[in-house]
């Protein structure tokens, strides 16, 4: 599998939309920079977890 197949694109977009939507509903305005940072962080955590689990299952 290619590296791009393991990137959590849909999960990151979901986190971005969720945080932006929550901010908009709770505060009346969205903060896309904060949501983008959280989405990238969540995507990184998911990618690392997938890599660790894949490595653990092979060995």
N, C-alpha and C. Protein backbone atom coordinates (compact mmCIF):
# COMPACT_ATOMS: atom_id res chain seq x y z
N UNK A 1 0.83 -1.19 0.00
CA UNK A 1 0.00 0.00 0.00
C UNK A 1 0.87 1.24 0.00
N UNK A 2 0.38 2.24 -0.63
CA UNK A 2 1.10 3.51 -0.68
C UNK A 2 0.86 4.28 0.61
N UNK A 3 1.76 5.22 0.88
CA UNK A 3 1.64 6.03 2.09
C UNK A 3 0.35 6.84 2.09
N UNK A 4 -0.07 7.32 0.93
CA UNK A 4 -1.28 8.15 0.85
C UNK A 4 -2.53 7.36 1.22
N UNK A 5 -2.49 6.04 1.09
CA UNK A 5 -3.65 5.24 1.46
C UNK A 5 -3.88 5.22 2.97
N UNK A 6 -2.86 5.51 3.74
CA UNK A 6 -2.97 5.47 5.19
C UNK A 6 -3.26 6.83 5.82
N UNK A 7 -3.34 7.88 5.00
CA UNK A 7 -3.62 9.21 5.55
C UNK A 7 -5.11 9.33 5.90
N UNK A 8 -5.41 9.84 7.08
CA UNK A 8 -6.80 9.94 7.52
C UNK A 8 -7.46 11.24 7.03
N UNK A 9 -7.66 11.36 5.73
CA UNK A 9 -8.22 12.58 5.16
C UNK A 9 -9.67 12.78 5.61
N UNK A 10 -10.49 11.76 5.47
CA UNK A 10 -11.91 11.93 5.82
C UNK A 10 -12.10 12.18 7.31
N UNK A 11 -11.28 11.55 8.14
CA UNK A 11 -11.38 11.79 9.57
C UNK A 11 -10.98 13.22 9.92
N UNK A 12 -9.94 13.72 9.27
CA UNK A 12 -9.49 15.09 9.52
C UNK A 12 -10.54 16.10 9.07
N UNK A 13 -11.15 15.85 7.93
CA UNK A 13 -12.21 16.75 7.47
C UNK A 13 -13.40 16.71 8.44
N UNK A 14 -13.71 15.54 8.94
CA UNK A 14 -14.80 15.41 9.91
C UNK A 14 -14.52 16.18 11.19
N UNK A 15 -13.29 16.12 11.67
CA UNK A 15 -12.93 16.88 12.87
C UNK A 15 -13.03 18.38 12.59
N UNK A 16 -12.55 18.81 11.43
CA UNK A 16 -12.61 20.22 11.07
C UNK A 16 -14.05 20.72 11.01
N UNK A 17 -14.91 19.97 10.33
CA UNK A 17 -16.31 20.37 10.21
C UNK A 17 -17.00 20.34 11.56
N UNK A 18 -16.71 19.35 12.36
CA UNK A 18 -17.32 19.25 13.68
C UNK A 18 -16.95 20.40 14.60
N UNK A 19 -15.68 20.74 14.64
CA UNK A 19 -15.23 21.83 15.51
C UNK A 19 -15.75 23.17 15.00
N UNK A 20 -15.70 23.37 13.69
CA UNK A 20 -16.20 24.61 13.12
C UNK A 20 -17.70 24.76 13.38
N UNK A 21 -18.44 23.70 13.19
CA UNK A 21 -19.88 23.73 13.44
C UNK A 21 -20.21 23.97 14.90
N UNK A 22 -19.47 23.34 15.79
CA UNK A 22 -19.71 23.55 17.22
C UNK A 22 -19.42 24.99 17.62
N UNK A 23 -18.30 25.52 17.14
CA UNK A 23 -17.98 26.92 17.43
C UNK A 23 -19.06 27.86 16.92
N UNK A 24 -19.53 27.59 15.73
CA UNK A 24 -20.54 28.45 15.13
C UNK A 24 -21.85 28.39 15.92
N UNK A 25 -22.24 27.20 16.36
CA UNK A 25 -23.47 27.07 17.13
C UNK A 25 -23.33 27.62 18.55
N UNK A 26 -22.19 27.38 19.17
CA UNK A 26 -22.02 27.79 20.58
C UNK A 26 -21.69 29.27 20.72
N UNK A 27 -20.85 29.80 19.84
CA UNK A 27 -20.37 31.16 20.00
C UNK A 27 -20.91 32.12 18.95
N UNK A 28 -21.55 31.61 17.92
CA UNK A 28 -22.08 32.46 16.87
C UNK A 28 -21.08 32.81 15.79
N UNK A 29 -19.87 32.33 15.91
CA UNK A 29 -18.84 32.55 14.88
C UNK A 29 -17.89 31.37 14.89
N UNK A 30 -17.40 31.04 13.73
CA UNK A 30 -16.48 29.91 13.60
C UNK A 30 -15.05 30.42 13.59
N UNK A 31 -14.16 29.61 14.12
CA UNK A 31 -12.73 29.91 14.10
C UNK A 31 -12.04 28.82 13.28
N UNK A 32 -11.92 29.04 11.96
CA UNK A 32 -11.38 27.99 11.11
C UNK A 32 -9.91 27.66 11.39
N UNK A 33 -9.12 28.60 11.86
CA UNK A 33 -7.72 28.31 12.16
C UNK A 33 -7.61 27.32 13.32
N UNK A 34 -8.38 27.55 14.36
CA UNK A 34 -8.39 26.63 15.50
C UNK A 34 -8.87 25.25 15.08
N UNK A 35 -9.90 25.22 14.24
CA UNK A 35 -10.42 23.94 13.77
C UNK A 35 -9.42 23.22 12.87
N UNK A 36 -8.70 23.96 12.03
CA UNK A 36 -7.71 23.35 11.15
C UNK A 36 -6.55 22.77 11.95
N UNK A 37 -6.11 23.47 12.97
CA UNK A 37 -5.02 22.97 13.81
C UNK A 37 -5.45 21.69 14.53
N UNK A 38 -6.66 21.68 15.06
CA UNK A 38 -7.16 20.49 15.74
C UNK A 38 -7.33 19.33 14.76
N UNK A 39 -7.78 19.62 13.54
CA UNK A 39 -7.96 18.56 12.54
C UNK A 39 -6.62 17.96 12.13
N UNK A 40 -5.61 18.79 11.94
CA UNK A 40 -4.28 18.27 11.59
C UNK A 40 -3.71 17.44 12.74
N UNK A 41 -3.90 17.91 13.95
CA UNK A 41 -3.41 17.15 15.12
C UNK A 41 -4.13 15.81 15.23
N UNK A 42 -5.44 15.81 15.06
CA UNK A 42 -6.19 14.56 15.13
C UNK A 42 -5.78 13.62 14.00
N UNK A 43 -5.57 14.16 12.81
CA UNK A 43 -5.11 13.34 11.69
C UNK A 43 -3.75 12.73 11.95
N UNK A 44 -2.86 13.50 12.55
CA UNK A 44 -1.54 12.98 12.91
C UNK A 44 -1.62 11.87 13.93
N UNK A 45 -2.46 12.04 14.92
CA UNK A 45 -2.62 11.01 15.95
C UNK A 45 -3.19 9.74 15.34
N UNK A 46 -4.18 9.89 14.47
CA UNK A 46 -4.78 8.72 13.82
C UNK A 46 -3.76 8.01 12.94
N UNK A 47 -2.96 8.76 12.20
CA UNK A 47 -1.94 8.15 11.32
C UNK A 47 -0.90 7.40 12.13
N UNK A 48 -0.47 7.98 13.24
CA UNK A 48 0.51 7.31 14.10
C UNK A 48 -0.08 6.05 14.71
N UNK A 49 -1.33 6.14 15.17
CA UNK A 49 -1.97 4.96 15.76
C UNK A 49 -2.11 3.85 14.73
N UNK A 50 -2.49 4.19 13.50
CA UNK A 50 -2.60 3.18 12.45
C UNK A 50 -1.25 2.53 12.17
N UNK A 51 -0.20 3.32 12.12
CA UNK A 51 1.13 2.78 11.85
C UNK A 51 1.57 1.86 12.98
N UNK A 52 1.33 2.26 14.22
CA UNK A 52 1.71 1.42 15.34
C UNK A 52 0.92 0.12 15.37
N UNK A 53 -0.36 0.21 15.11
CA UNK A 53 -1.19 -1.01 15.11
C UNK A 53 -0.80 -1.93 13.96
N UNK A 54 -0.48 -1.37 12.81
CA UNK A 54 -0.06 -2.18 11.67
C UNK A 54 1.27 -2.87 11.97
N UNK A 55 2.18 -2.14 12.59
CA UNK A 55 3.48 -2.70 12.96
C UNK A 55 3.31 -3.80 14.01
N UNK A 56 2.44 -3.58 14.97
CA UNK A 56 2.21 -4.55 16.03
C UNK A 56 1.60 -5.83 15.48
N UNK A 57 0.68 -5.70 14.52
CA UNK A 57 0.02 -6.89 13.97
C UNK A 57 0.94 -7.70 13.07
N UNK A 58 1.93 -7.09 12.45
CA UNK A 58 2.87 -7.82 11.60
C UNK A 58 3.86 -8.63 12.41
N UNK A 59 4.29 -8.08 13.54
CA UNK A 59 5.34 -8.73 14.30
C UNK A 59 4.83 -9.62 15.31
